[in-house]
N, C-alpha and C. Protein backbone atom coordinates (compact mmCIF):
# COMPACT_ATOMS: atom_id res chain seq x y z
N UNK A 1 0.05 -195.57 19.82
CA UNK A 1 1.36 -194.99 20.11
C UNK A 1 1.61 -195.05 21.60
N UNK A 2 2.77 -195.44 21.98
CA UNK A 2 3.14 -195.58 23.38
C UNK A 2 3.85 -194.35 23.89
N UNK A 3 3.61 -193.96 25.09
CA UNK A 3 4.30 -192.84 25.70
C UNK A 3 5.22 -193.38 26.79
N UNK A 4 6.48 -193.08 26.69
CA UNK A 4 7.44 -193.59 27.66
C UNK A 4 7.60 -192.64 28.85
N UNK A 5 7.53 -191.38 28.62
CA UNK A 5 7.71 -190.38 29.68
C UNK A 5 6.47 -189.50 29.70
N UNK A 6 5.43 -189.96 30.33
CA UNK A 6 4.18 -189.20 30.35
C UNK A 6 4.41 -187.84 30.99
N UNK A 7 3.92 -186.83 30.33
CA UNK A 7 4.02 -185.47 30.85
C UNK A 7 5.37 -184.81 30.63
N UNK A 8 6.29 -185.48 29.98
CA UNK A 8 7.61 -184.89 29.72
C UNK A 8 7.78 -184.65 28.23
N UNK A 9 8.45 -183.57 27.93
CA UNK A 9 8.75 -183.25 26.54
C UNK A 9 10.22 -183.49 26.29
N UNK A 10 10.49 -184.08 25.16
CA UNK A 10 11.87 -184.22 24.75
C UNK A 10 12.23 -183.02 23.89
N UNK A 11 13.34 -182.41 24.19
CA UNK A 11 13.75 -181.26 23.38
C UNK A 11 15.21 -181.45 22.98
N UNK A 12 15.47 -181.07 21.79
CA UNK A 12 16.82 -181.15 21.24
C UNK A 12 17.18 -179.80 20.69
N UNK A 13 18.46 -179.41 20.80
CA UNK A 13 18.84 -178.12 20.23
C UNK A 13 18.65 -178.12 18.72
N UNK A 14 18.22 -176.98 18.22
CA UNK A 14 18.03 -176.84 16.78
C UNK A 14 19.40 -176.80 16.11
N UNK A 15 19.60 -177.62 15.07
CA UNK A 15 20.91 -177.59 14.42
C UNK A 15 21.20 -176.23 13.80
N UNK A 16 22.46 -175.85 13.87
CA UNK A 16 22.88 -174.58 13.29
C UNK A 16 22.89 -174.71 11.77
N UNK A 17 22.47 -173.65 11.07
CA UNK A 17 22.49 -173.72 9.60
C UNK A 17 23.90 -173.96 9.09
N UNK A 18 24.04 -174.90 8.18
CA UNK A 18 25.33 -175.19 7.58
C UNK A 18 26.22 -176.07 8.43
N UNK A 19 25.75 -176.52 9.59
CA UNK A 19 26.56 -177.35 10.48
C UNK A 19 26.82 -178.70 9.82
N UNK A 20 28.08 -179.13 9.75
CA UNK A 20 28.37 -180.41 9.08
C UNK A 20 27.83 -181.60 9.87
N UNK A 21 27.18 -182.51 9.18
CA UNK A 21 26.63 -183.68 9.85
C UNK A 21 27.68 -184.76 10.03
N UNK A 22 28.70 -184.76 9.18
CA UNK A 22 29.82 -185.69 9.33
C UNK A 22 31.11 -184.95 8.97
N UNK A 23 32.20 -185.41 9.52
CA UNK A 23 33.49 -184.76 9.29
C UNK A 23 34.28 -185.55 8.26
N UNK A 24 34.04 -185.23 7.00
CA UNK A 24 34.69 -185.92 5.88
C UNK A 24 35.99 -185.24 5.46
N UNK A 25 36.02 -183.92 5.53
CA UNK A 25 37.17 -183.16 5.05
C UNK A 25 37.69 -182.24 6.16
N UNK A 26 38.87 -181.70 5.96
CA UNK A 26 39.40 -180.76 6.94
C UNK A 26 38.54 -179.51 6.98
N UNK A 27 37.96 -179.15 5.83
CA UNK A 27 37.03 -178.02 5.80
C UNK A 27 35.84 -178.26 6.72
N UNK A 28 35.34 -179.49 6.78
CA UNK A 28 34.24 -179.82 7.69
C UNK A 28 34.67 -179.64 9.15
N UNK A 29 35.89 -180.06 9.47
CA UNK A 29 36.41 -179.90 10.82
C UNK A 29 36.49 -178.42 11.19
N UNK A 30 36.98 -177.61 10.25
CA UNK A 30 37.10 -176.17 10.51
C UNK A 30 35.74 -175.52 10.71
N UNK A 31 34.79 -175.86 9.85
CA UNK A 31 33.44 -175.28 9.95
C UNK A 31 32.80 -175.66 11.28
N UNK A 32 32.89 -176.91 11.65
CA UNK A 32 32.30 -177.36 12.92
C UNK A 32 32.90 -176.61 14.09
N UNK A 33 34.21 -176.52 14.13
CA UNK A 33 34.89 -175.84 15.25
C UNK A 33 34.50 -174.36 15.30
N UNK A 34 34.47 -173.70 14.15
CA UNK A 34 34.12 -172.28 14.11
C UNK A 34 32.70 -172.08 14.62
N UNK A 35 31.76 -172.91 14.16
CA UNK A 35 30.37 -172.78 14.59
C UNK A 35 30.22 -173.12 16.07
N UNK A 36 30.95 -174.14 16.54
CA UNK A 36 30.91 -174.50 17.96
C UNK A 36 31.37 -173.34 18.84
N UNK A 37 32.36 -172.61 18.36
CA UNK A 37 32.88 -171.46 19.11
C UNK A 37 32.05 -170.20 18.91
N UNK A 38 31.13 -170.24 17.96
CA UNK A 38 30.30 -169.06 17.68
C UNK A 38 31.08 -167.93 17.04
N UNK A 39 32.09 -168.26 16.25
CA UNK A 39 32.93 -167.24 15.63
C UNK A 39 32.52 -166.97 14.19
N UNK A 40 32.72 -165.74 13.78
CA UNK A 40 32.56 -165.40 12.37
C UNK A 40 33.81 -165.90 11.64
N UNK A 41 33.73 -165.93 10.33
CA UNK A 41 34.92 -166.32 9.56
C UNK A 41 36.05 -165.33 9.80
N UNK A 42 35.69 -164.07 9.93
CA UNK A 42 36.71 -163.05 10.15
C UNK A 42 37.43 -163.28 11.47
N UNK A 43 36.69 -163.55 12.53
CA UNK A 43 37.29 -163.77 13.84
C UNK A 43 38.12 -165.05 13.85
N UNK A 44 37.61 -166.11 13.25
CA UNK A 44 38.35 -167.37 13.19
C UNK A 44 39.61 -167.20 12.35
N UNK A 45 39.49 -166.47 11.23
CA UNK A 45 40.66 -166.22 10.38
C UNK A 45 41.73 -165.45 11.13
N UNK A 46 41.32 -164.47 11.93
CA UNK A 46 42.29 -163.70 12.71
C UNK A 46 43.02 -164.60 13.70
N UNK A 47 42.30 -165.54 14.31
CA UNK A 47 42.93 -166.47 15.26
C UNK A 47 43.97 -167.34 14.58
N UNK A 48 43.73 -167.67 13.30
CA UNK A 48 44.66 -168.53 12.57
C UNK A 48 45.66 -167.75 11.73
N UNK A 49 45.51 -166.43 11.67
CA UNK A 49 46.45 -165.62 10.90
C UNK A 49 46.22 -165.70 9.40
N UNK A 50 44.96 -165.75 8.99
CA UNK A 50 44.65 -165.79 7.56
C UNK A 50 43.39 -164.98 7.28
N UNK A 51 43.13 -164.77 6.00
CA UNK A 51 41.98 -163.96 5.63
C UNK A 51 40.71 -164.82 5.61
N UNK A 52 39.55 -164.20 5.86
CA UNK A 52 38.29 -164.94 5.91
C UNK A 52 37.92 -165.61 4.59
N UNK A 53 38.38 -165.06 3.48
CA UNK A 53 38.08 -165.67 2.18
C UNK A 53 38.76 -167.04 2.05
N UNK A 54 39.98 -167.13 2.53
CA UNK A 54 40.67 -168.43 2.50
C UNK A 54 39.92 -169.44 3.35
N UNK A 55 39.52 -169.03 4.54
CA UNK A 55 38.79 -169.91 5.43
C UNK A 55 37.48 -170.36 4.79
N UNK A 56 36.78 -169.45 4.14
CA UNK A 56 35.54 -169.82 3.46
C UNK A 56 35.80 -170.85 2.36
N UNK A 57 36.84 -170.64 1.58
CA UNK A 57 37.18 -171.59 0.53
C UNK A 57 37.51 -172.97 1.10
N UNK A 58 38.19 -173.02 2.23
CA UNK A 58 38.52 -174.30 2.86
C UNK A 58 37.26 -174.97 3.40
N UNK A 59 36.43 -174.19 4.08
CA UNK A 59 35.21 -174.75 4.65
C UNK A 59 34.28 -175.31 3.57
N UNK A 60 34.29 -174.69 2.43
CA UNK A 60 33.44 -175.15 1.32
C UNK A 60 34.17 -176.12 0.38
N UNK A 61 35.39 -176.48 0.77
CA UNK A 61 36.21 -177.43 0.01
C UNK A 61 36.43 -176.99 -1.44
N UNK A 62 36.61 -175.69 -1.61
CA UNK A 62 36.88 -175.12 -2.94
C UNK A 62 38.35 -175.16 -3.30
N UNK A 63 39.19 -174.96 -2.29
CA UNK A 63 40.63 -174.91 -2.53
C UNK A 63 41.35 -175.80 -1.53
N UNK A 64 42.55 -176.22 -1.92
CA UNK A 64 43.38 -177.03 -1.03
C UNK A 64 44.06 -176.11 -0.03
N UNK A 65 44.31 -176.63 1.13
CA UNK A 65 44.98 -175.88 2.18
C UNK A 65 46.49 -175.99 1.98
N UNK A 66 47.15 -174.86 1.89
CA UNK A 66 48.61 -174.87 1.76
C UNK A 66 49.21 -175.44 3.04
N UNK A 67 50.23 -176.25 2.89
CA UNK A 67 50.83 -176.96 4.02
C UNK A 67 51.32 -176.00 5.10
N UNK A 68 51.70 -174.80 4.75
CA UNK A 68 52.23 -173.86 5.74
C UNK A 68 51.17 -173.44 6.77
N UNK A 69 49.88 -173.65 6.45
CA UNK A 69 48.81 -173.26 7.36
C UNK A 69 48.43 -174.36 8.37
N UNK A 70 48.93 -175.56 8.18
CA UNK A 70 48.52 -176.66 9.05
C UNK A 70 48.84 -176.46 10.53
N UNK A 71 50.00 -175.92 10.92
CA UNK A 71 50.21 -175.72 12.36
C UNK A 71 49.15 -174.81 13.00
N UNK A 72 48.79 -173.71 12.34
CA UNK A 72 47.76 -172.82 12.89
C UNK A 72 46.39 -173.48 12.88
N UNK A 73 46.11 -174.23 11.85
CA UNK A 73 44.84 -174.94 11.73
C UNK A 73 44.70 -175.96 12.86
N UNK A 74 45.75 -176.72 13.11
CA UNK A 74 45.74 -177.73 14.17
C UNK A 74 45.59 -177.06 15.54
N UNK A 75 46.25 -175.94 15.74
CA UNK A 75 46.11 -175.20 17.00
C UNK A 75 44.68 -174.71 17.18
N UNK A 76 44.06 -174.23 16.12
CA UNK A 76 42.68 -173.74 16.18
C UNK A 76 41.72 -174.88 16.51
N UNK A 77 41.91 -176.02 15.86
CA UNK A 77 41.02 -177.16 16.10
C UNK A 77 41.24 -177.79 17.47
N UNK A 78 42.48 -177.75 17.95
CA UNK A 78 42.78 -178.40 19.21
C UNK A 78 43.13 -179.87 19.05
N UNK A 79 43.22 -180.32 17.82
CA UNK A 79 43.60 -181.70 17.51
C UNK A 79 44.07 -181.74 16.07
N UNK A 80 44.71 -182.85 15.70
CA UNK A 80 45.20 -183.01 14.34
C UNK A 80 44.16 -183.78 13.52
N UNK A 81 43.57 -183.17 12.50
CA UNK A 81 42.55 -183.84 11.70
C UNK A 81 43.10 -184.77 10.62
N UNK A 82 44.40 -184.78 10.46
CA UNK A 82 44.99 -185.63 9.43
C UNK A 82 44.84 -187.09 9.83
N UNK A 83 44.60 -187.97 8.86
CA UNK A 83 44.40 -189.38 9.19
C UNK A 83 45.61 -189.98 9.90
N UNK A 84 45.33 -190.91 10.81
CA UNK A 84 46.41 -191.61 11.50
C UNK A 84 47.22 -192.41 10.48
N UNK A 85 48.51 -192.47 10.71
CA UNK A 85 49.41 -193.16 9.79
C UNK A 85 49.38 -194.67 10.03
N UNK A 86 49.39 -195.41 8.93
CA UNK A 86 49.46 -196.87 9.00
C UNK A 86 50.80 -197.40 8.51
N UNK A 87 51.52 -196.56 7.77
CA UNK A 87 52.82 -196.95 7.24
C UNK A 87 53.84 -195.88 7.59
N UNK A 88 55.10 -196.21 7.40
CA UNK A 88 56.14 -195.21 7.66
C UNK A 88 55.98 -194.01 6.73
N UNK A 89 55.66 -194.25 5.48
CA UNK A 89 55.47 -193.15 4.54
C UNK A 89 54.34 -192.22 4.95
N UNK A 90 53.24 -192.80 5.40
CA UNK A 90 52.11 -191.99 5.87
C UNK A 90 52.49 -191.21 7.13
N UNK A 91 53.31 -191.81 7.99
CA UNK A 91 53.77 -191.11 9.19
C UNK A 91 54.65 -189.92 8.83
N UNK A 92 55.50 -190.11 7.84
CA UNK A 92 56.37 -189.02 7.38
C UNK A 92 55.52 -187.88 6.82
N UNK A 93 54.59 -188.21 5.95
CA UNK A 93 53.73 -187.18 5.35
C UNK A 93 52.90 -186.45 6.42
N UNK A 94 52.31 -187.19 7.33
CA UNK A 94 51.48 -186.59 8.39
C UNK A 94 52.32 -185.64 9.25
N UNK A 95 53.50 -186.08 9.65
CA UNK A 95 54.34 -185.24 10.50
C UNK A 95 54.84 -184.02 9.74
N UNK A 96 55.20 -184.20 8.48
CA UNK A 96 55.67 -183.07 7.65
C UNK A 96 54.57 -182.01 7.56
N UNK A 97 53.35 -182.45 7.28
CA UNK A 97 52.23 -181.51 7.16
C UNK A 97 51.89 -180.88 8.50
N UNK A 98 51.94 -181.67 9.57
CA UNK A 98 51.67 -181.15 10.91
C UNK A 98 52.62 -180.01 11.25
N UNK A 99 53.87 -180.15 10.82
CA UNK A 99 54.87 -179.11 11.07
C UNK A 99 54.82 -177.97 10.06
N UNK A 100 53.99 -178.11 9.02
CA UNK A 100 53.87 -177.06 8.02
C UNK A 100 55.03 -176.99 7.05
N UNK A 101 55.67 -178.13 6.81
CA UNK A 101 56.83 -178.16 5.92
C UNK A 101 56.46 -178.69 4.54
N UNK A 102 56.91 -178.01 3.52
CA UNK A 102 56.77 -178.56 2.17
C UNK A 102 57.78 -179.70 2.03
N UNK A 103 57.57 -180.55 1.04
CA UNK A 103 58.51 -181.64 0.80
C UNK A 103 59.90 -181.08 0.47
N UNK A 104 59.92 -179.97 -0.25
CA UNK A 104 61.20 -179.35 -0.63
C UNK A 104 61.93 -178.82 0.60
N UNK A 105 61.18 -178.18 1.50
CA UNK A 105 61.80 -177.63 2.72
C UNK A 105 62.33 -178.76 3.60
N UNK A 106 61.54 -179.82 3.75
CA UNK A 106 62.00 -180.97 4.54
C UNK A 106 63.26 -181.57 3.93
N UNK A 107 63.27 -181.71 2.61
CA UNK A 107 64.45 -182.26 1.93
C UNK A 107 65.68 -181.40 2.21
N UNK A 108 65.51 -180.09 2.16
CA UNK A 108 66.62 -179.19 2.41
C UNK A 108 67.11 -179.34 3.86
N UNK A 109 66.19 -179.44 4.80
CA UNK A 109 66.56 -179.57 6.21
C UNK A 109 67.27 -180.91 6.48
N UNK A 110 66.85 -181.96 5.77
CA UNK A 110 67.44 -183.28 5.97
C UNK A 110 68.66 -183.51 5.08
N UNK A 111 68.91 -182.54 4.19
CA UNK A 111 70.03 -182.64 3.24
C UNK A 111 69.91 -183.86 2.34
N UNK A 112 68.69 -184.01 1.80
CA UNK A 112 68.42 -185.08 0.84
C UNK A 112 67.72 -184.45 -0.36
N UNK A 113 67.54 -185.21 -1.41
CA UNK A 113 66.82 -184.71 -2.58
C UNK A 113 65.31 -184.72 -2.30
N UNK A 114 64.58 -183.75 -2.87
CA UNK A 114 63.12 -183.76 -2.71
C UNK A 114 62.48 -185.07 -3.19
N UNK A 115 63.06 -185.69 -4.22
CA UNK A 115 62.51 -186.97 -4.68
C UNK A 115 62.64 -188.05 -3.61
N UNK A 116 63.64 -187.92 -2.76
CA UNK A 116 63.80 -188.87 -1.66
C UNK A 116 62.63 -188.77 -0.70
N UNK A 117 62.21 -187.56 -0.38
CA UNK A 117 61.05 -187.36 0.50
C UNK A 117 59.81 -187.95 -0.15
N UNK A 118 59.63 -187.69 -1.44
CA UNK A 118 58.48 -188.23 -2.16
C UNK A 118 58.49 -189.75 -2.15
N UNK A 119 59.63 -190.34 -2.41
CA UNK A 119 59.73 -191.81 -2.41
C UNK A 119 59.44 -192.37 -1.03
N UNK A 120 59.94 -191.70 -0.02
CA UNK A 120 59.72 -192.15 1.35
C UNK A 120 58.23 -192.08 1.72
N UNK A 121 57.58 -190.97 1.34
CA UNK A 121 56.16 -190.79 1.65
C UNK A 121 55.26 -191.79 0.93
N UNK A 122 55.72 -192.30 -0.20
CA UNK A 122 54.92 -193.28 -0.94
C UNK A 122 55.39 -194.71 -0.66
N UNK A 123 56.21 -194.87 0.36
CA UNK A 123 56.68 -196.20 0.80
C UNK A 123 57.34 -197.00 -0.30
N UNK A 124 58.18 -196.32 -1.09
CA UNK A 124 58.91 -197.03 -2.14
C UNK A 124 59.92 -197.98 -1.51
N UNK A 125 60.06 -199.16 -2.04
CA UNK A 125 61.03 -200.11 -1.49
C UNK A 125 62.46 -199.76 -1.90
N UNK A 126 63.38 -200.41 -1.26
CA UNK A 126 64.81 -200.32 -1.58
C UNK A 126 65.37 -198.90 -1.54
N UNK A 127 65.14 -198.23 -0.43
CA UNK A 127 65.74 -196.91 -0.26
C UNK A 127 66.94 -197.03 0.67
N UNK A 128 67.92 -196.17 0.45
CA UNK A 128 69.11 -196.17 1.29
C UNK A 128 68.76 -195.77 2.72
N UNK A 129 69.42 -196.37 3.69
CA UNK A 129 69.10 -196.14 5.10
C UNK A 129 69.45 -194.72 5.57
N UNK A 130 70.55 -194.17 5.07
CA UNK A 130 71.00 -192.85 5.54
C UNK A 130 69.97 -191.74 5.24
N UNK A 131 69.47 -191.63 4.00
CA UNK A 131 68.47 -190.59 3.73
C UNK A 131 67.19 -190.79 4.55
N UNK A 132 66.78 -192.03 4.72
CA UNK A 132 65.58 -192.30 5.53
C UNK A 132 65.81 -191.81 6.96
N UNK A 133 66.95 -192.17 7.53
CA UNK A 133 67.28 -191.77 8.90
C UNK A 133 67.35 -190.25 9.03
N UNK A 134 67.89 -189.57 8.02
CA UNK A 134 68.00 -188.10 8.07
C UNK A 134 66.63 -187.45 8.09
N UNK A 135 65.71 -187.93 7.25
CA UNK A 135 64.36 -187.37 7.21
C UNK A 135 63.63 -187.64 8.52
N UNK A 136 63.71 -188.87 9.01
CA UNK A 136 63.04 -189.23 10.26
C UNK A 136 63.57 -188.40 11.43
N UNK A 137 64.88 -188.15 11.43
CA UNK A 137 65.48 -187.35 12.51
C UNK A 137 64.94 -185.91 12.49
N UNK A 138 64.88 -185.31 11.31
CA UNK A 138 64.37 -183.93 11.21
C UNK A 138 62.93 -183.86 11.71
N UNK A 139 62.15 -184.89 11.40
CA UNK A 139 60.73 -184.90 11.79
C UNK A 139 60.52 -185.35 13.23
N UNK A 140 61.56 -185.85 13.86
CA UNK A 140 61.42 -186.33 15.23
C UNK A 140 60.69 -187.66 15.32
N UNK A 141 60.79 -188.45 14.25
CA UNK A 141 60.16 -189.76 14.22
C UNK A 141 61.21 -190.83 14.47
N UNK A 142 60.79 -191.90 15.09
CA UNK A 142 61.73 -193.01 15.31
C UNK A 142 61.88 -193.81 14.02
N UNK A 143 62.86 -194.63 13.95
CA UNK A 143 63.09 -195.47 12.77
C UNK A 143 61.98 -196.48 12.56
N UNK A 144 61.14 -196.71 13.56
CA UNK A 144 60.06 -197.67 13.45
C UNK A 144 58.72 -196.98 13.18
N UNK A 145 58.70 -195.70 12.77
CA UNK A 145 57.45 -194.97 12.53
C UNK A 145 56.59 -195.71 11.53
N UNK A 146 55.34 -195.90 11.87
CA UNK A 146 54.42 -196.60 10.98
C UNK A 146 54.72 -198.08 10.95
N UNK A 147 54.08 -198.80 10.07
CA UNK A 147 54.27 -200.24 9.99
C UNK A 147 54.95 -200.67 8.71
N UNK A 148 55.23 -199.70 7.85
CA UNK A 148 55.85 -200.05 6.57
C UNK A 148 57.29 -200.50 6.74
N UNK A 149 57.79 -201.25 5.85
CA UNK A 149 59.18 -201.69 5.88
C UNK A 149 60.08 -200.80 5.11
N UNK A 150 60.54 -200.38 4.49
CA UNK A 150 61.26 -199.33 3.92
C UNK A 150 61.44 -199.48 2.53
């Protein structure tokens, strides 16, 4: 066996129990951030305006996160954990969730049908330009958001 640093010890911090080794889900992102900050679930929940039981369910990937909590979640993390958009539909969905808007609420704000928002988010072809423009305007996205064609 070869010694590269004679007389020196290599030391690494002991991993925290339950610390996620990879960030696969938003729950993993939340758990990592909470542990990095040294916060209890109760303290982290108070920072985000929710109960610790909800946070536990999210961290353990037991329940889906309601869209209305995404703005607080993003503020707590300090970044947006939602995947980067590759199409216009993905950009619409990402921005809607980032703002904490349900599809129904966005449709009401843009004065379009909720099915229009759904069709737009799934990159359905042959949609009218006016409803697309109205949704993009409410979300603050340009007409060229994402790479999808419409």
